[in-house]
């Protein structure tokens, strides 16, 4: 049974869109007339794969147990010119804030930034044409059909980055979770030991008619930027925040130096990302009710009050938190809204990159070339343009069409049909 308490924020999955169904090669048949003309229908389109942002999800845990997603294949075309049924689509639901990357290139494909965002990730293959589609004035009974397009497997990385206006940062056990519980309706797990928070907790802070989202980021430690403790795994979650509230245990009750802790955390931010270290930051000096806090508070103010806005608070009782909220909102109201990560390129995985072809000999002895290579040539070749026709001939040579034709017995003067192009072969 899955443990829903586990927080997973980075996974790798494999996807494959559906293959297109093959076209049907068939002929009408009536009593006493076994072959009355072609009637093979087209194959069905393969299913697509979509990724959808779902605001009710907050972890990528389900992908730990299911890592492969395959859409349905299109069905083969039927007789009487009936199309094959299209393959079933697959919809993959992810938490809001999930970034989708291509494993092979590392390119960012999509940022599922808003609830209900939907992205077509992989397109199913097109169905092959039935033999009825190859009839012409000259070719009345084509005894061949086109195969459906094949698709390829692709690997994706899903990386969750929490979307919040304000990130609460600081060493473990300084009171971030307690502060979040006081200023929002969130109920994070709180206890008096290190690394209580194993995943980001979010809550909505309301101030009169306004509100903003705050995230309690797991406690950082020295060396977090190099992967020590939990820091490396969760630093990415404050990359989207618009500002930071740095929570400091001003009491030093765990025999720590508040000033030293503050300097170390900011050093970790700078080492991990210049962008993070440049975010607006206010300081919540927590546990002011504990013995020893007053002396540390004076020293802290003396060193940092010129550069940072300092808010002495006691998160347990809520003392000072209203002033902190107002101060945060004053800064937030001047900052631009968060924006989705810019994708590296706007693309969707489509059919196999391999341009395939097949060759048939029709009832008239003509060599007929069909397949995805032919479809591409038909779209890109202008028959009345000399340069375009030169490209057409080069592709036929480079892709091995001419050599295969020769192996099948093609001789000078034989007819070759490629899409709408029909010509007599001349070596």
Protein backbone atom coordinates (compact mmCIF):
# COMPACT_ATOMS: atom_id res chain seq x y z
CA UNK A 1 0.00 0.00 0.00
CA UNK A 2 1.30 3.46 -0.89
CA UNK A 3 2.46 5.65 1.96
CA UNK A 4 0.74 8.97 1.27
CA UNK A 5 2.88 10.71 3.87
CA UNK A 6 5.90 10.42 1.58
CA UNK A 7 6.67 13.55 -0.40
CA UNK A 8 8.13 12.97 -3.86
CA UNK A 9 9.05 16.00 -5.94
CA UNK A 10 11.10 14.56 -8.80
CA UNK A 11 10.42 11.45 -10.88
CA UNK A 12 11.20 9.95 -14.26
CA UNK A 13 8.47 8.40 -16.40
CA UNK A 14 8.24 6.78 -19.82
CA UNK A 15 5.51 7.63 -22.31
CA UNK A 16 4.44 6.31 -25.69
CA UNK A 17 1.65 7.62 -27.87
CA UNK A 18 -0.46 5.07 -29.74
CA UNK A 19 0.56 3.65 -33.10
CA UNK A 20 -1.68 4.37 -36.05
CA UNK A 21 -3.80 1.46 -37.28
CA UNK A 22 -2.97 -0.19 -40.60
CA UNK A 23 -5.10 0.53 -43.63
CA UNK A 24 -7.26 -2.34 -44.91
CA UNK A 25 -6.57 -4.10 -48.19
CA UNK A 26 -9.89 -5.58 -49.28
CA UNK A 27 -12.32 -5.79 -52.19
CA UNK A 28 -16.07 -5.79 -52.42
CA UNK A 29 -17.49 -9.20 -53.03
CA UNK A 30 -20.96 -10.14 -54.22
CA UNK A 31 -22.39 -13.52 -54.98
CA UNK A 32 -20.87 -14.67 -58.21
CA UNK A 33 -18.56 -11.63 -58.32
CA UNK A 34 -15.64 -12.21 -55.93
CA UNK A 35 -13.82 -8.93 -56.64
CA UNK A 36 -15.86 -5.84 -57.43
CA UNK A 37 -13.38 -3.14 -56.60
CA UNK A 38 -11.38 -2.00 -53.57
CA UNK A 39 -13.19 -1.05 -50.36
CA UNK A 40 -10.48 -1.07 -47.67
CA UNK A 41 -10.84 1.72 -45.11
CA UNK A 42 -8.17 3.78 -43.32
CA UNK A 43 -6.66 2.74 -40.02
CA UNK A 44 -7.53 4.66 -36.85
CA UNK A 45 -5.31 7.33 -35.34
CA UNK A 46 -3.20 6.37 -32.33
CA UNK A 47 -4.10 7.85 -28.94
CA UNK A 48 -2.46 11.06 -27.71
CA UNK A 49 -0.84 11.68 -24.31
CA UNK A 50 -1.72 14.79 -22.34
CA UNK A 51 -0.43 16.19 -19.05
CA UNK A 52 -2.93 18.12 -16.91
CA UNK A 53 -2.28 20.21 -13.78
CA UNK A 54 -4.54 19.16 -10.89
CA UNK A 55 -4.80 21.54 -7.93
CA UNK A 56 -5.90 18.71 -5.61
CA UNK A 57 -2.49 16.99 -5.90
CA UNK A 58 0.59 18.05 -3.92
CA UNK A 59 3.14 15.29 -4.54
CA UNK A 60 4.47 13.16 -7.39
CA UNK A 61 4.18 10.06 -5.20
CA UNK A 62 1.82 8.15 -7.56
CA UNK A 63 4.58 8.12 -10.20
CA UNK A 64 6.77 6.14 -7.84
CA UNK A 65 4.50 3.15 -8.42
CA UNK A 66 3.45 3.72 -12.04
CA UNK A 67 6.16 4.97 -14.37
CA UNK A 68 5.01 3.91 -17.85
CA UNK A 69 2.10 5.48 -19.74
CA UNK A 70 1.06 4.08 -23.12
CA UNK A 71 -1.85 5.38 -25.20
CA UNK A 72 -4.08 3.04 -27.21
CA UNK A 73 -3.20 1.98 -30.74
CA UNK A 74 -5.50 2.81 -33.61
CA UNK A 75 -7.49 -0.11 -34.99
CA UNK A 76 -7.01 -1.51 -38.44
CA UNK A 77 -9.29 -0.15 -41.15
CA UNK A 78 -12.33 -2.17 -42.05
CA UNK A 79 -14.07 -3.36 -45.19
CA UNK A 80 -16.68 -1.27 -46.96
CA UNK A 81 -14.42 1.76 -46.53
CA UNK A 82 -14.92 1.80 -42.73
CA UNK A 83 -12.33 3.66 -40.71
CA UNK A 84 -10.60 1.91 -37.83
CA UNK A 85 -11.36 3.16 -34.32
CA UNK A 86 -8.92 5.70 -32.88
CA UNK A 87 -6.78 4.65 -29.92
CA UNK A 88 -7.66 5.85 -26.41
CA UNK A 89 -5.89 8.99 -25.17
CA UNK A 90 -3.97 8.99 -21.88
CA UNK A 91 -4.26 11.91 -19.44
CA UNK A 92 -1.50 12.19 -16.83
CA UNK A 93 -2.46 14.36 -13.84
CA UNK A 94 0.32 16.22 -12.00
CA UNK A 95 0.41 18.79 -9.18
CA UNK A 96 0.29 22.46 -10.07
CA UNK A 97 3.85 23.72 -10.39
CA UNK A 98 5.21 20.61 -12.12
CA UNK A 99 7.86 21.21 -14.76
CA UNK A 100 8.09 18.66 -17.57
CA UNK A 101 11.51 18.00 -19.11
CA UNK A 102 12.78 15.75 -21.88
CA UNK A 103 15.35 13.38 -20.36
CA UNK A 104 17.45 13.02 -23.49
CA UNK A 105 17.95 16.75 -24.15
CA UNK A 106 17.12 18.28 -20.74
CA UNK A 107 14.80 20.71 -22.53
CA UNK A 108 11.84 22.14 -20.62
CA UNK A 109 8.71 21.04 -22.47
CA UNK A 110 6.05 22.54 -20.21
CA UNK A 111 5.45 24.32 -16.92
CA UNK A 112 2.09 23.26 -15.48
CA UNK A 113 1.73 26.57 -13.70
CA UNK A 114 -2.04 26.96 -13.33
CA UNK A 115 -4.73 24.58 -12.19
CA UNK A 116 -6.29 22.77 -15.18
CA UNK A 117 -3.41 23.65 -17.55
CA UNK A 118 -3.38 21.00 -20.28
CA UNK A 119 -0.49 20.15 -22.60
CA UNK A 120 -0.40 17.71 -25.51
CA UNK A 121 2.88 15.89 -24.90
CA UNK A 122 2.89 13.08 -27.44
CA UNK A 123 0.77 12.80 -30.57
CA UNK A 124 -0.49 9.44 -31.77
CA UNK A 125 0.51 8.08 -35.16
CA UNK A 126 -1.77 8.61 -38.14
CA UNK A 127 -3.68 5.64 -39.47
CA UNK A 128 -2.56 4.07 -42.72
CA UNK A 129 -4.60 4.55 -45.88
CA UNK A 130 -6.82 1.73 -47.08
CA UNK A 131 -6.45 0.40 -50.60
CA UNK A 132 -9.48 2.36 -51.82
CA UNK A 133 -7.42 5.53 -51.32
CA UNK A 134 -4.90 4.40 -53.94
CA UNK A 135 -7.33 4.06 -56.83
CA UNK A 136 -6.64 6.27 -59.83
CA UNK A 137 -7.89 6.53 -63.37
CA UNK A 138 -5.15 4.10 -64.34
CA UNK A 139 -5.06 1.95 -61.19
CA UNK A 140 -8.53 0.48 -60.64
CA UNK A 141 -7.73 -2.35 -58.23
CA UNK A 142 -4.78 -1.52 -55.95
CA UNK A 143 -3.92 -4.66 -54.02
CA UNK A 144 -2.08 -2.92 -51.20
CA UNK A 145 -2.70 -0.63 -48.24
CA UNK A 146 -0.56 1.65 -46.10
CA UNK A 147 0.64 0.73 -42.63
CA UNK A 148 -0.09 3.04 -39.71
CA UNK A 149 2.57 5.38 -38.36
CA UNK A 150 4.61 4.05 -35.47
CA UNK A 151 5.50 6.12 -32.42
CA UNK A 152 8.49 5.97 -30.12
CA UNK A 153 9.10 5.72 -26.38
CA UNK A 154 10.16 8.96 -24.67
CA UNK A 155 11.47 9.57 -21.16
CA UNK A 156 10.29 12.57 -19.18
CA UNK A 157 11.39 14.10 -15.90
CA UNK A 158 8.61 15.58 -13.76
CA UNK A 159 9.92 18.12 -11.28
CA UNK A 160 7.62 19.77 -8.76
CA UNK A 161 8.36 23.36 -7.74
CA UNK A 162 5.97 24.79 -5.18
CA UNK A 163 4.15 27.93 -6.31
CA UNK A 164 3.90 30.40 -3.43
CA UNK A 165 4.24 34.16 -2.97
CA UNK A 166 6.31 33.89 0.21
CA UNK A 167 8.80 31.24 1.27
CA UNK A 168 9.57 30.69 4.97
CA UNK A 169 13.22 29.69 5.29
CA UNK A 170 15.62 29.04 8.16
CA UNK A 171 17.43 26.33 10.07
CA UNK A 172 15.46 23.31 11.32
CA UNK A 173 13.38 23.78 14.46
CA UNK A 174 13.33 27.60 14.38
CA UNK A 175 9.54 27.75 14.31
CA UNK A 176 8.60 28.01 10.62
CA UNK A 177 5.78 25.46 10.86
CA UNK A 178 4.44 27.08 14.01
CA UNK A 179 4.48 30.49 12.33
CA UNK A 180 2.66 29.11 9.26
CA UNK A 181 -0.02 27.58 11.46
CA UNK A 182 -0.57 30.93 13.20
CA UNK A 183 -0.83 33.12 10.11
CA UNK A 184 -2.79 30.67 7.91
CA UNK A 185 -5.33 27.89 8.23
CA UNK A 186 -2.64 25.31 7.46
CA UNK A 187 -1.97 22.53 9.95
CA UNK A 188 1.60 21.39 9.40
CA UNK A 189 3.19 18.66 11.51
CA UNK A 190 4.95 20.35 14.42
CA UNK A 191 7.29 18.80 16.99
CA UNK A 192 10.44 19.70 18.85
CA UNK A 193 13.02 17.86 16.77
CA UNK A 194 14.98 18.56 13.63
CA UNK A 195 13.59 17.92 10.15
CA UNK A 196 10.00 17.62 11.33
CA UNK A 197 8.95 19.16 8.01
CA UNK A 198 9.84 16.73 5.25
CA UNK A 199 7.79 18.46 2.57
CA UNK A 200 6.72 22.04 1.83
CA UNK A 201 3.51 23.08 3.57
CA UNK A 202 1.36 25.78 1.98
CA UNK A 203 -1.20 28.09 3.50
CA UNK A 204 -3.18 31.18 2.51
CA UNK A 205 -2.52 34.31 4.56
CA UNK A 206 -5.49 36.69 4.64
CA UNK A 207 -5.14 40.41 5.28
CA UNK A 208 -8.43 42.29 5.08
CA UNK A 209 -9.62 41.77 1.47
CA UNK A 210 -6.20 40.63 0.26
CA UNK A 211 -4.39 37.32 0.55
CA UNK A 212 -1.16 35.60 -0.43
CA UNK A 213 0.25 32.07 -0.34
CA UNK A 214 3.05 31.23 2.09
CA UNK A 215 5.13 28.05 1.98
CA UNK A 216 7.01 26.53 4.89
CA UNK A 217 10.17 25.20 3.24
CA UNK A 218 11.98 22.30 4.98
CA UNK A 219 14.81 23.42 7.25
CA UNK A 220 18.08 24.20 5.55
CA UNK A 221 21.46 23.33 7.02
CA UNK A 222 25.00 24.32 6.25
CA UNK A 223 26.05 22.60 3.03
CA UNK A 224 22.50 22.43 1.67
CA UNK A 225 23.57 23.83 -1.71
CA UNK A 226 25.90 20.83 -2.08
CA UNK A 227 23.16 18.40 -1.13
CA UNK A 228 23.64 18.08 2.64
CA UNK A 229 20.61 17.12 4.69
CA UNK A 230 17.27 17.84 3.06
CA UNK A 231 18.31 21.22 1.72
CA UNK A 232 19.38 20.29 -1.79
CA UNK A 233 16.15 18.39 -2.46
CA UNK A 234 13.95 21.29 -1.43
CA UNK A 235 15.82 24.45 -2.36
CA UNK A 236 14.07 24.30 -5.72
CA UNK A 237 10.78 24.96 -3.97
CA UNK A 238 11.69 28.54 -3.13
CA UNK A 239 12.80 29.34 -6.68
CA UNK A 240 9.26 30.44 -7.57
CA UNK A 241 8.63 32.58 -4.49
CA UNK A 242 8.45 36.35 -4.84
CA UNK A 243 10.02 37.08 -1.46
CA UNK A 244 11.40 35.32 1.62
CA UNK A 245 10.66 35.43 5.32
CA UNK A 246 13.81 34.29 7.08
CA UNK A 247 12.85 32.79 10.44
CA UNK A 248 15.60 32.94 13.08
CA UNK A 249 15.56 31.41 16.58
CA UNK A 250 16.66 34.56 18.37
CA UNK A 251 16.71 32.80 21.75
CA UNK A 252 19.68 30.60 20.85
CA UNK A 253 18.07 27.98 23.08
CA UNK A 254 19.73 25.14 21.17
CA UNK A 255 23.16 26.66 21.79
CA UNK A 256 23.23 28.16 18.32
CA UNK A 257 24.27 31.67 17.39
CA UNK A 258 21.34 33.47 15.64
CA UNK A 259 23.67 35.81 13.75
CA UNK A 260 25.85 32.94 12.56
CA UNK A 261 22.79 30.93 11.50
CA UNK A 262 21.40 33.88 9.52
CA UNK A 263 24.68 34.41 7.68
CA UNK A 264 25.05 30.70 6.86
CA UNK A 265 21.56 30.33 5.40
CA UNK A 266 22.02 33.37 3.17
CA UNK A 267 25.35 31.98 2.02
CA UNK A 268 23.61 28.73 1.05
CA UNK A 269 21.00 30.65 -0.94
CA UNK A 270 23.67 32.57 -2.81
CA UNK A 271 25.64 29.43 -3.61
CA UNK A 272 22.56 27.64 -4.91
CA UNK A 273 21.19 30.55 -6.94
CA UNK A 274 21.98 34.24 -7.33
CA UNK A 275 18.29 34.75 -8.08
CA UNK A 276 17.27 33.34 -4.68
CA UNK A 277 19.79 35.43 -2.79
CA UNK A 278 18.51 38.57 -4.50
CA UNK A 279 14.86 38.06 -3.53
CA UNK A 280 13.40 40.61 -1.08
CA UNK A 281 13.81 39.24 2.43
CA UNK A 282 12.44 40.17 5.83
CA UNK A 283 13.51 38.58 9.09
CA UNK A 284 11.16 37.07 11.69
CA UNK A 285 13.07 36.91 14.98
CA UNK A 286 11.20 34.11 16.71
CA UNK A 287 11.02 32.84 20.32
CA UNK A 288 11.33 36.30 21.83
CA UNK A 289 9.65 34.98 24.99
CA UNK A 290 12.51 32.60 25.78
CA UNK A 291 15.22 33.55 28.27
CA UNK A 292 18.30 34.99 26.57
CA UNK A 293 16.37 36.30 23.57
CA UNK A 294 16.55 39.97 24.60
CA UNK A 295 20.34 40.18 24.53
CA UNK A 296 20.55 38.33 21.20
CA UNK A 297 17.85 40.58 19.77
CA UNK A 298 19.89 43.70 20.53
CA UNK A 299 22.98 42.24 18.90
CA UNK A 300 21.03 41.14 15.84
CA UNK A 301 19.40 44.54 15.38
CA UNK A 302 22.74 46.27 15.70
CA UNK A 303 24.22 44.17 12.91
CA UNK A 304 21.35 43.85 10.42
CA UNK A 305 18.67 46.50 11.05
CA UNK A 306 20.02 48.82 8.34
CA UNK A 307 19.79 46.20 5.62
CA UNK A 308 16.75 44.13 6.63
CA UNK A 309 13.29 44.72 8.07
CA UNK A 310 13.26 42.89 11.40
CA UNK A 311 10.12 41.63 13.14
CA UNK A 312 10.44 40.26 16.70
CA UNK A 313 7.73 37.61 17.13
CA UNK A 314 6.61 34.73 19.30
CA UNK A 315 5.04 32.28 16.89
CA UNK A 316 3.54 30.07 19.62
CA UNK A 317 1.38 32.87 20.99
CA UNK A 318 1.08 34.83 17.73
CA UNK A 319 2.64 37.94 19.25
CA UNK A 320 4.11 40.20 16.58
CA UNK A 321 2.75 38.14 13.67
CA UNK A 322 0.20 40.78 12.60
CA UNK A 323 2.96 43.35 12.11
CA UNK A 324 4.96 40.76 10.19
CA UNK A 325 2.03 40.01 7.84
CA UNK A 326 1.46 43.69 7.13
CA UNK A 327 5.16 44.22 6.44
CA UNK A 328 5.23 41.27 4.05
CA UNK A 329 2.14 42.52 2.20
CA UNK A 330 3.62 45.99 1.77
CA UNK A 331 6.56 44.47 -0.09
CA UNK A 332 4.50 41.91 -2.03
CA UNK A 333 2.15 44.59 -3.35
CA UNK A 334 5.10 46.21 -5.12
CA UNK A 335 6.43 43.00 -6.71
CA UNK A 336 5.42 41.50 -10.08
CA UNK A 337 3.37 38.32 -10.08
CA UNK A 338 5.18 35.04 -10.53
CA UNK A 339 5.38 33.77 -14.11
CA UNK A 340 5.70 30.26 -15.55
CA UNK A 341 9.17 29.03 -16.44
CA UNK A 342 9.98 29.75 -20.07
CA UNK A 343 9.95 26.56 -22.11
CA UNK A 344 12.99 25.81 -24.25
CA UNK A 345 10.90 25.09 -27.30
CA UNK A 346 7.24 24.66 -28.13
CA UNK A 347 7.00 21.11 -29.33
CA UNK A 348 5.09 17.88 -29.03
CA UNK A 349 6.48 14.40 -29.52
CA UNK A 350 5.06 13.25 -32.80
CA UNK A 351 5.37 10.10 -34.86
CA UNK A 352 8.62 8.20 -35.26
CA UNK A 353 11.42 10.29 -36.68
CA UNK A 354 12.13 7.42 -39.08
CA UNK A 355 10.63 8.14 -42.48
CA UNK A 356 9.45 4.71 -43.55
CA UNK A 357 8.32 3.42 -46.93
CA UNK A 358 6.96 0.31 -48.55
CA UNK A 359 6.92 -0.72 -52.19
CA UNK A 360 4.18 -2.69 -53.96
CA UNK A 361 3.75 -3.79 -57.55
CA UNK A 362 0.23 -3.03 -58.71
CA UNK A 363 -1.96 -4.88 -61.21
CA UNK A 364 -0.44 -2.91 -64.06
CA UNK A 365 3.10 -3.80 -63.08
CA UNK A 366 3.87 -0.30 -61.76
CA UNK A 367 6.07 0.07 -58.69
CA UNK A 368 4.09 1.98 -56.03
CA UNK A 369 5.94 3.57 -53.08
CA UNK A 370 3.87 4.42 -49.98
CA UNK A 371 4.59 5.33 -46.35
CA UNK A 372 5.52 8.26 -44.13
CA UNK A 373 8.43 9.16 -46.41
CA UNK A 374 6.00 9.59 -49.30
CA UNK A 375 3.65 11.69 -47.16
CA UNK A 376 6.54 13.98 -46.29
CA UNK A 377 7.60 14.31 -49.93
CA UNK A 378 4.05 15.09 -51.04
CA UNK A 379 3.87 17.91 -48.52
CA UNK A 380 7.27 19.37 -49.37
CA UNK A 381 7.82 18.87 -53.09
CA UNK A 382 6.51 21.23 -55.76
CA UNK A 383 6.23 19.27 -59.01
CA UNK A 384 6.66 22.36 -61.20
CA UNK A 385 9.88 23.49 -59.51
CA UNK A 386 13.22 22.16 -60.76
CA UNK A 387 15.03 22.60 -57.42
CA UNK A 388 12.20 20.92 -55.56
CA UNK A 389 12.28 17.96 -57.93
CA UNK A 390 16.06 17.70 -57.52
CA UNK A 391 15.47 17.51 -53.73
CA UNK A 392 12.81 14.85 -54.39
CA UNK A 393 15.25 12.69 -56.35
CA UNK A 394 18.02 13.14 -53.78
CA UNK A 395 15.75 11.98 -50.95
CA UNK A 396 14.81 8.89 -52.95
CA UNK A 397 18.48 8.01 -53.34
CA UNK A 398 19.51 8.89 -49.77
CA UNK A 399 16.65 6.97 -48.14
CA UNK A 400 17.33 3.85 -50.17
CA UNK A 401 14.14 3.93 -52.25
CA UNK A 402 15.95 3.62 -55.59
CA UNK A 403 18.21 0.79 -54.38
CA UNK A 404 15.21 -1.16 -53.04
CA UNK A 405 13.33 -0.66 -56.30
CA UNK A 406 16.30 -2.06 -58.21
CA UNK A 407 16.48 -5.08 -55.88
CA UNK A 408 12.79 -5.73 -56.58
CA UNK A 409 13.56 -5.89 -60.30
CA UNK A 410 12.99 -2.34 -61.50
CA UNK A 411 14.28 -1.91 -65.04
CA UNK A 412 14.57 0.99 -67.44
CA UNK A 413 11.18 2.09 -68.70
CA UNK A 414 9.23 0.59 -65.74
CA UNK A 415 6.66 2.87 -64.15
CA UNK A 416 7.22 4.20 -60.61
CA UNK A 417 4.42 5.91 -58.66
CA UNK A 418 5.25 7.98 -55.58
CA UNK A 419 2.26 9.89 -54.26
CA UNK A 420 1.02 12.07 -57.12
CA UNK A 421 4.28 11.64 -59.04
CA UNK A 422 4.35 9.01 -61.78
CA UNK A 423 7.39 8.49 -63.97
CA UNK A 424 9.22 5.94 -66.12
CA UNK A 425 12.48 4.88 -64.60
CA UNK A 426 15.62 6.01 -66.43
CA UNK A 427 18.98 4.96 -64.86
